[in-house]
Amino acid sequence: MTIKDWGPVRDCMRTDVTEVDGKMDVLTALKTMKKSSATSLIVKRRDENDEYGLVLFSDIAKEVIAKNRAPERVNVYEIMSKPVLTVRPDMEIRYCARLFENFGISHAPVIENDQIVGIVSYYLLVLHGLPNLD
């Protein structure tokens, strides 16, 4: 495989992202994740000067389940990551993987024209980013 084989993040990102309000309780967030088959949720900005947040299954496991907290009594904003690193849809997959490694992250929103257009993860990078996997 040569460097020329790697495509842009656009080729492997998930475009059906789910955005939620940070004030949502974790139980409702989990139901939303289950309904949309998502392992992460984008937390909406409160206004144009705010930043996006991100909540992952692992955040719920670490901050709610492991700490024996009631998910209906914990708000998403209490356990989310914010601000989050974002990537451009035209970033090469190999650079996205390096960014993830350098910053110890596994997911990132994909932003174009200051709007969320998708989400990318290690899973998607590997599954859909490697050419000739079919």
N, C-alpha and C. Protein backbone atom coordinates (compact mmCIF):
# COMPACT_ATOMS: atom_id res chain seq x y z
N MET A 1 0.85 -1.18 0.00
CA MET A 1 0.00 0.00 0.00
C MET A 1 0.89 1.24 0.00
N THR A 2 0.54 2.20 -0.81
CA THR A 2 1.32 3.43 -0.87
C THR A 2 0.53 4.57 -0.28
N ILE A 3 1.21 5.65 -0.04
CA ILE A 3 0.56 6.83 0.53
C ILE A 3 -0.59 7.29 -0.35
N LYS A 4 -0.46 7.12 -1.66
CA LYS A 4 -1.50 7.57 -2.58
C LYS A 4 -2.82 6.84 -2.37
N ASP A 5 -2.78 5.66 -1.71
CA ASP A 5 -3.99 4.88 -1.50
C ASP A 5 -4.91 5.44 -0.43
N TRP A 6 -4.37 6.29 0.45
CA TRP A 6 -5.19 6.83 1.53
C TRP A 6 -6.08 7.94 1.01
N GLY A 7 -7.33 7.91 1.38
CA GLY A 7 -8.26 8.94 0.94
C GLY A 7 -8.55 9.93 2.05
N PRO A 8 -9.51 10.80 1.81
CA PRO A 8 -9.88 11.79 2.82
C PRO A 8 -10.85 11.21 3.85
N VAL A 9 -10.92 11.87 4.98
CA VAL A 9 -11.84 11.49 6.05
C VAL A 9 -13.28 11.41 5.52
N ARG A 10 -13.61 12.26 4.58
CA ARG A 10 -14.95 12.27 3.99
C ARG A 10 -15.38 10.87 3.52
N ASP A 11 -14.41 10.07 3.07
CA ASP A 11 -14.71 8.74 2.55
C ASP A 11 -15.08 7.73 3.63
N CYS A 12 -14.76 8.02 4.88
CA CYS A 12 -15.04 7.02 5.92
C CYS A 12 -15.85 7.56 7.10
N MET A 13 -16.15 8.85 7.12
CA MET A 13 -16.89 9.42 8.25
C MET A 13 -18.35 8.98 8.23
N ARG A 14 -18.92 8.98 9.40
CA ARG A 14 -20.36 8.71 9.54
C ARG A 14 -21.08 10.05 9.43
N THR A 15 -22.04 10.14 8.54
CA THR A 15 -22.73 11.43 8.32
C THR A 15 -24.01 11.56 9.13
N ASP A 16 -24.51 10.45 9.62
CA ASP A 16 -25.75 10.52 10.41
C ASP A 16 -25.42 10.68 11.89
N VAL A 17 -24.96 11.90 12.24
CA VAL A 17 -24.59 12.18 13.62
C VAL A 17 -25.83 12.59 14.41
N THR A 18 -25.77 12.35 15.69
CA THR A 18 -26.86 12.72 16.58
C THR A 18 -26.37 13.80 17.52
N GLU A 19 -27.07 14.92 17.52
CA GLU A 19 -26.72 16.03 18.40
C GLU A 19 -27.75 16.12 19.52
N VAL A 20 -27.25 16.38 20.73
CA VAL A 20 -28.13 16.50 21.90
C VAL A 20 -27.77 17.74 22.69
N ASP A 21 -28.66 18.12 23.57
CA ASP A 21 -28.44 19.24 24.48
C ASP A 21 -27.65 18.74 25.69
N GLY A 22 -26.73 19.53 26.18
CA GLY A 22 -25.91 19.15 27.33
C GLY A 22 -26.70 18.96 28.61
N LYS A 23 -27.89 19.54 28.67
CA LYS A 23 -28.72 19.40 29.87
C LYS A 23 -29.51 18.09 29.90
N MET A 24 -29.44 17.35 28.81
CA MET A 24 -30.13 16.05 28.76
C MET A 24 -29.53 15.12 29.82
N ASP A 25 -30.37 14.31 30.46
CA ASP A 25 -29.83 13.35 31.42
C ASP A 25 -29.23 12.16 30.67
N VAL A 26 -28.32 11.47 31.33
CA VAL A 26 -27.59 10.38 30.69
C VAL A 26 -28.49 9.22 30.31
N LEU A 27 -29.53 8.95 31.08
CA LEU A 27 -30.45 7.87 30.73
C LEU A 27 -31.12 8.16 29.39
N THR A 28 -31.59 9.38 29.22
CA THR A 28 -32.21 9.77 27.95
C THR A 28 -31.18 9.74 26.82
N ALA A 29 -29.95 10.15 27.11
CA ALA A 29 -28.88 10.10 26.11
C ALA A 29 -28.63 8.66 25.67
N LEU A 30 -28.61 7.74 26.63
CA LEU A 30 -28.41 6.32 26.30
C LEU A 30 -29.54 5.79 25.41
N LYS A 31 -30.75 6.18 25.72
CA LYS A 31 -31.89 5.77 24.89
C LYS A 31 -31.75 6.33 23.48
N THR A 32 -31.28 7.56 23.38
CA THR A 32 -31.05 8.20 22.08
C THR A 32 -29.96 7.46 21.31
N MET A 33 -28.90 7.08 22.01
CA MET A 33 -27.81 6.34 21.37
C MET A 33 -28.30 4.99 20.87
N LYS A 34 -29.08 4.31 21.68
CA LYS A 34 -29.59 3.00 21.29
C LYS A 34 -30.50 3.12 20.06
N LYS A 35 -31.38 4.12 20.07
CA LYS A 35 -32.32 4.32 18.97
C LYS A 35 -31.60 4.62 17.65
N SER A 36 -30.50 5.37 17.72
CA SER A 36 -29.79 5.76 16.50
C SER A 36 -28.57 4.87 16.22
N SER A 37 -28.38 3.82 17.02
CA SER A 37 -27.23 2.92 16.87
C SER A 37 -25.91 3.68 16.87
N ALA A 38 -25.79 4.65 17.75
CA ALA A 38 -24.59 5.48 17.84
C ALA A 38 -23.80 5.11 19.08
N THR A 39 -22.50 5.25 19.01
CA THR A 39 -21.64 5.04 20.18
C THR A 39 -21.13 6.36 20.72
N SER A 40 -21.55 7.45 20.08
CA SER A 40 -21.16 8.78 20.53
C SER A 40 -22.26 9.78 20.18
N LEU A 41 -22.28 10.86 20.92
CA LEU A 41 -23.23 11.94 20.67
C LEU A 41 -22.49 13.26 20.64
N ILE A 42 -22.86 14.11 19.71
CA ILE A 42 -22.33 15.47 19.67
C ILE A 42 -23.20 16.30 20.60
N VAL A 43 -22.56 17.09 21.45
CA VAL A 43 -23.30 17.98 22.33
C VAL A 43 -23.33 19.35 21.66
N LYS A 44 -24.55 19.83 21.44
CA LYS A 44 -24.75 21.08 20.71
C LYS A 44 -24.10 22.27 21.43
N ARG A 45 -23.74 23.25 20.63
CA ARG A 45 -23.25 24.51 21.18
C ARG A 45 -24.44 25.29 21.74
N ARG A 46 -24.21 26.01 22.82
CA ARG A 46 -25.29 26.83 23.41
C ARG A 46 -25.55 28.07 22.58
N ASP A 47 -24.49 28.59 21.94
CA ASP A 47 -24.61 29.76 21.06
C ASP A 47 -23.42 29.75 20.10
N GLU A 48 -23.34 30.75 19.24
CA GLU A 48 -22.29 30.77 18.22
C GLU A 48 -20.88 30.95 18.79
N ASN A 49 -20.77 31.38 20.04
CA ASN A 49 -19.45 31.55 20.67
C ASN A 49 -19.04 30.33 21.49
N ASP A 50 -19.90 29.34 21.59
CA ASP A 50 -19.62 28.14 22.36
C ASP A 50 -18.91 27.12 21.47
N GLU A 51 -18.45 26.04 22.05
CA GLU A 51 -17.79 24.96 21.32
C GLU A 51 -18.63 23.69 21.42
N TYR A 52 -18.42 22.77 20.48
CA TYR A 52 -19.11 21.49 20.52
C TYR A 52 -18.51 20.61 21.61
N GLY A 53 -19.35 19.72 22.13
CA GLY A 53 -18.90 18.72 23.08
C GLY A 53 -19.12 17.34 22.49
N LEU A 54 -18.62 16.32 23.19
CA LEU A 54 -18.74 14.95 22.72
C LEU A 54 -18.88 14.04 23.93
N VAL A 55 -19.83 13.12 23.86
CA VAL A 55 -19.97 12.11 24.92
C VAL A 55 -19.93 10.74 24.25
N LEU A 56 -19.13 9.85 24.83
CA LEU A 56 -18.92 8.51 24.30
C LEU A 56 -19.48 7.48 25.27
N PHE A 57 -19.72 6.25 24.77
CA PHE A 57 -20.09 5.15 25.65
C PHE A 57 -19.09 5.01 26.79
N SER A 58 -17.81 5.16 26.47
CA SER A 58 -16.78 5.00 27.50
C SER A 58 -16.90 6.06 28.59
N ASP A 59 -17.34 7.27 28.25
CA ASP A 59 -17.56 8.30 29.27
C ASP A 59 -18.66 7.87 30.23
N ILE A 60 -19.72 7.28 29.67
CA ILE A 60 -20.83 6.82 30.50
C ILE A 60 -20.37 5.68 31.39
N ALA A 61 -19.58 4.76 30.84
CA ALA A 61 -19.08 3.64 31.64
C ALA A 61 -18.20 4.12 32.78
N LYS A 62 -17.28 5.05 32.48
CA LYS A 62 -16.32 5.53 33.49
C LYS A 62 -16.95 6.46 34.52
N GLU A 63 -17.78 7.37 34.05
CA GLU A 63 -18.28 8.43 34.93
C GLU A 63 -19.64 8.15 35.58
N VAL A 64 -20.38 7.19 35.06
CA VAL A 64 -21.70 6.89 35.62
C VAL A 64 -21.73 5.48 36.20
N ILE A 65 -21.48 4.49 35.36
CA ILE A 65 -21.57 3.10 35.82
C ILE A 65 -20.50 2.78 36.86
N ALA A 66 -19.24 3.08 36.56
CA ALA A 66 -18.15 2.73 37.48
C ALA A 66 -18.25 3.48 38.80
N LYS A 67 -18.86 4.65 38.78
CA LYS A 67 -18.99 5.45 40.00
C LYS A 67 -20.35 5.26 40.68
N ASN A 68 -21.12 4.28 40.16
CA ASN A 68 -22.42 3.93 40.74
C ASN A 68 -23.35 5.14 40.86
N ARG A 69 -23.40 5.95 39.80
CA ARG A 69 -24.27 7.12 39.77
C ARG A 69 -25.54 6.77 39.00
N ALA A 70 -26.64 7.36 39.38
CA ALA A 70 -27.91 7.12 38.69
C ALA A 70 -27.93 7.89 37.37
N PRO A 71 -28.05 7.20 36.23
CA PRO A 71 -27.98 7.89 34.93
C PRO A 71 -29.08 8.93 34.73
N GLU A 72 -30.20 8.77 35.41
CA GLU A 72 -31.27 9.76 35.28
C GLU A 72 -30.99 11.01 36.11
N ARG A 73 -29.94 10.98 36.92
CA ARG A 73 -29.60 12.13 37.78
C ARG A 73 -28.29 12.80 37.36
N VAL A 74 -27.71 12.35 36.27
CA VAL A 74 -26.47 12.94 35.76
C VAL A 74 -26.77 13.56 34.41
N ASN A 75 -26.34 14.80 34.23
CA ASN A 75 -26.53 15.47 32.95
C ASN A 75 -25.33 15.20 32.04
N VAL A 76 -25.60 15.21 30.75
CA VAL A 76 -24.56 14.97 29.75
C VAL A 76 -23.40 15.94 29.93
N TYR A 77 -23.68 17.21 30.22
CA TYR A 77 -22.60 18.19 30.34
C TYR A 77 -21.62 17.85 31.47
N GLU A 78 -22.04 17.05 32.43
CA GLU A 78 -21.17 16.68 33.54
C GLU A 78 -20.10 15.66 33.14
N ILE A 79 -20.34 14.91 32.09
CA ILE A 79 -19.41 13.84 31.72
C ILE A 79 -18.82 13.99 30.32
N MET A 80 -19.26 14.99 29.57
CA MET A 80 -18.80 15.15 28.19
C MET A 80 -17.39 15.72 28.14
N SER A 81 -16.78 15.60 26.98
CA SER A 81 -15.51 16.27 26.68
C SER A 81 -15.85 17.54 25.92
N LYS A 82 -15.23 18.64 26.34
CA LYS A 82 -15.50 19.92 25.68
C LYS A 82 -14.39 20.89 26.05
N PRO A 83 -13.81 21.59 25.13
CA PRO A 83 -14.01 21.50 23.69
C PRO A 83 -13.35 20.23 23.14
N VAL A 84 -13.74 19.85 21.95
CA VAL A 84 -13.18 18.66 21.32
C VAL A 84 -12.38 19.05 20.09
N LEU A 85 -11.38 18.23 19.79
CA LEU A 85 -10.64 18.41 18.55
C LEU A 85 -11.55 18.03 17.40
N THR A 86 -11.49 18.78 16.33
CA THR A 86 -12.29 18.48 15.15
C THR A 86 -11.37 18.28 13.96
N VAL A 87 -11.89 17.65 12.93
CA VAL A 87 -11.12 17.44 11.70
C VAL A 87 -11.92 17.95 10.51
N ARG A 88 -11.21 18.21 9.43
CA ARG A 88 -11.84 18.64 8.19
C ARG A 88 -12.16 17.42 7.35
N PRO A 89 -13.21 17.45 6.55
CA PRO A 89 -13.54 16.29 5.72
C PRO A 89 -12.48 15.95 4.68
N ASP A 90 -11.66 16.92 4.29
CA ASP A 90 -10.64 16.64 3.29
C ASP A 90 -9.29 16.26 3.90
N MET A 91 -9.21 16.13 5.24
CA MET A 91 -7.98 15.66 5.88
C MET A 91 -7.73 14.22 5.46
N GLU A 92 -6.49 13.89 5.16
CA GLU A 92 -6.17 12.52 4.79
C GLU A 92 -6.36 11.60 6.00
N ILE A 93 -6.85 10.41 5.73
CA ILE A 93 -7.12 9.42 6.77
C ILE A 93 -5.87 9.15 7.62
N ARG A 94 -4.72 9.07 6.99
CA ARG A 94 -3.49 8.78 7.75
C ARG A 94 -3.18 9.88 8.74
N TYR A 95 -3.45 11.14 8.38
CA TYR A 95 -3.20 12.24 9.30
C TYR A 95 -4.23 12.26 10.43
N CYS A 96 -5.43 11.88 10.11
CA CYS A 96 -6.46 11.78 11.15
C CYS A 96 -6.07 10.72 12.18
N ALA A 97 -5.59 9.58 11.72
CA ALA A 97 -5.14 8.52 12.62
C ALA A 97 -3.98 9.01 13.49
N ARG A 98 -3.07 9.76 12.91
CA ARG A 98 -1.94 10.32 13.67
C ARG A 98 -2.43 11.33 14.71
N LEU A 99 -3.40 12.15 14.33
CA LEU A 99 -3.97 13.13 15.26
C LEU A 99 -4.59 12.40 16.46
N PHE A 100 -5.36 11.35 16.19
CA PHE A 100 -5.96 10.56 17.25
C PHE A 100 -4.88 10.03 18.19
N GLU A 101 -3.82 9.47 17.63
CA GLU A 101 -2.73 8.91 18.43
C GLU A 101 -2.03 10.00 19.24
N ASN A 102 -1.72 11.10 18.60
CA ASN A 102 -0.99 12.19 19.27
C ASN A 102 -1.75 12.79 20.45
N PHE A 103 -3.08 12.82 20.34
CA PHE A 103 -3.87 13.46 21.39
C PHE A 103 -4.65 12.47 22.24
N GLY A 104 -4.48 11.18 21.99
CA GLY A 104 -5.14 10.17 22.83
C GLY A 104 -6.65 10.18 22.73
N ILE A 105 -7.16 10.43 21.54
CA ILE A 105 -8.61 10.43 21.33
C ILE A 105 -8.99 9.30 20.38
N SER A 106 -10.28 8.97 20.34
CA SER A 106 -10.73 7.89 19.46
C SER A 106 -11.85 8.32 18.52
N HIS A 107 -12.40 9.50 18.75
CA HIS A 107 -13.49 10.04 17.93
C HIS A 107 -13.26 11.54 17.72
N ALA A 108 -13.76 12.06 16.61
CA ALA A 108 -13.71 13.51 16.38
C ALA A 108 -14.85 13.92 15.47
N PRO A 109 -15.50 15.03 15.79
CA PRO A 109 -16.48 15.58 14.86
C PRO A 109 -15.77 16.08 13.61
N VAL A 110 -16.46 15.99 12.49
CA VAL A 110 -15.94 16.49 11.22
C VAL A 110 -16.69 17.80 10.94
N ILE A 111 -15.92 18.87 10.77
CA ILE A 111 -16.49 20.21 10.64
C ILE A 111 -16.17 20.80 9.27
N GLU A 112 -17.20 21.37 8.65
CA GLU A 112 -17.01 22.10 7.38
C GLU A 112 -17.89 23.33 7.44
N ASN A 113 -17.32 24.48 7.14
CA ASN A 113 -18.05 25.75 7.20
C ASN A 113 -18.70 25.96 8.57
N ASP A 114 -17.95 25.61 9.62
CA ASP A 114 -18.37 25.78 11.01
C ASP A 114 -19.61 24.96 11.38
N GLN A 115 -19.89 23.92 10.61
CA GLN A 115 -21.03 23.04 10.88
C GLN A 115 -20.55 21.59 10.96
N ILE A 116 -21.19 20.80 11.80
CA ILE A 116 -20.89 19.37 11.89
C ILE A 116 -21.44 18.69 10.64
N VAL A 117 -20.58 17.97 9.94
CA VAL A 117 -21.02 17.23 8.76
C VAL A 117 -20.84 15.73 8.94
N GLY A 118 -20.21 15.33 10.05
CA GLY A 118 -20.01 13.92 10.31
C GLY A 118 -19.21 13.69 11.56
N ILE A 119 -18.91 12.43 11.80
CA ILE A 119 -18.05 12.04 12.91
C ILE A 119 -17.16 10.91 12.41
N VAL A 120 -15.94 10.88 12.91
CA VAL A 120 -15.01 9.84 12.51
C VAL A 120 -14.41 9.22 13.76
N SER A 121 -14.09 7.94 13.67
CA SER A 121 -13.52 7.21 14.80
C SER A 121 -12.44 6.27 14.28
N TYR A 122 -11.63 5.72 15.20
CA TYR A 122 -10.66 4.71 14.79
C TYR A 122 -11.37 3.58 14.04
N TYR A 123 -12.50 3.15 14.57
CA TYR A 123 -13.27 2.07 13.95
C TYR A 123 -13.57 2.38 12.48
N LEU A 124 -14.07 3.57 12.22
CA LEU A 124 -14.41 3.95 10.85
C LEU A 124 -13.17 4.13 9.99
N LEU A 125 -12.09 4.67 10.57
CA LEU A 125 -10.85 4.83 9.82
C LEU A 125 -10.34 3.50 9.31
N VAL A 126 -10.39 2.49 10.19
CA VAL A 126 -9.87 1.18 9.82
C VAL A 126 -10.83 0.44 8.89
N LEU A 127 -12.10 0.41 9.27
CA LEU A 127 -13.08 -0.37 8.53
C LEU A 127 -13.32 0.18 7.13
N HIS A 128 -13.44 1.49 7.01
CA HIS A 128 -13.77 2.09 5.71
C HIS A 128 -12.60 2.83 5.07
N GLY A 129 -11.53 3.00 5.81
CA GLY A 129 -10.40 3.75 5.29
C GLY A 129 -9.37 2.92 4.57
N LEU A 130 -9.28 1.65 4.88
CA LEU A 130 -8.31 0.79 4.22
C LEU A 130 -8.82 0.39 2.84
N PRO A 131 -8.05 0.66 1.80
CA PRO A 131 -8.49 0.28 0.46
C PRO A 131 -8.41 -1.24 0.28
N ASN A 132 -9.16 -1.73 -0.66
CA ASN A 132 -9.13 -3.15 -1.03
C ASN A 132 -9.50 -4.09 0.11
N LEU A 133 -10.39 -3.66 0.97
CA LEU A 133 -10.83 -4.50 2.10
C LEU A 133 -11.99 -5.40 1.68
N ASP A 134 -12.63 -5.07 0.57
CA ASP A 134 -13.78 -5.86 0.11
C ASP A 134 -13.38 -7.21 -0.43
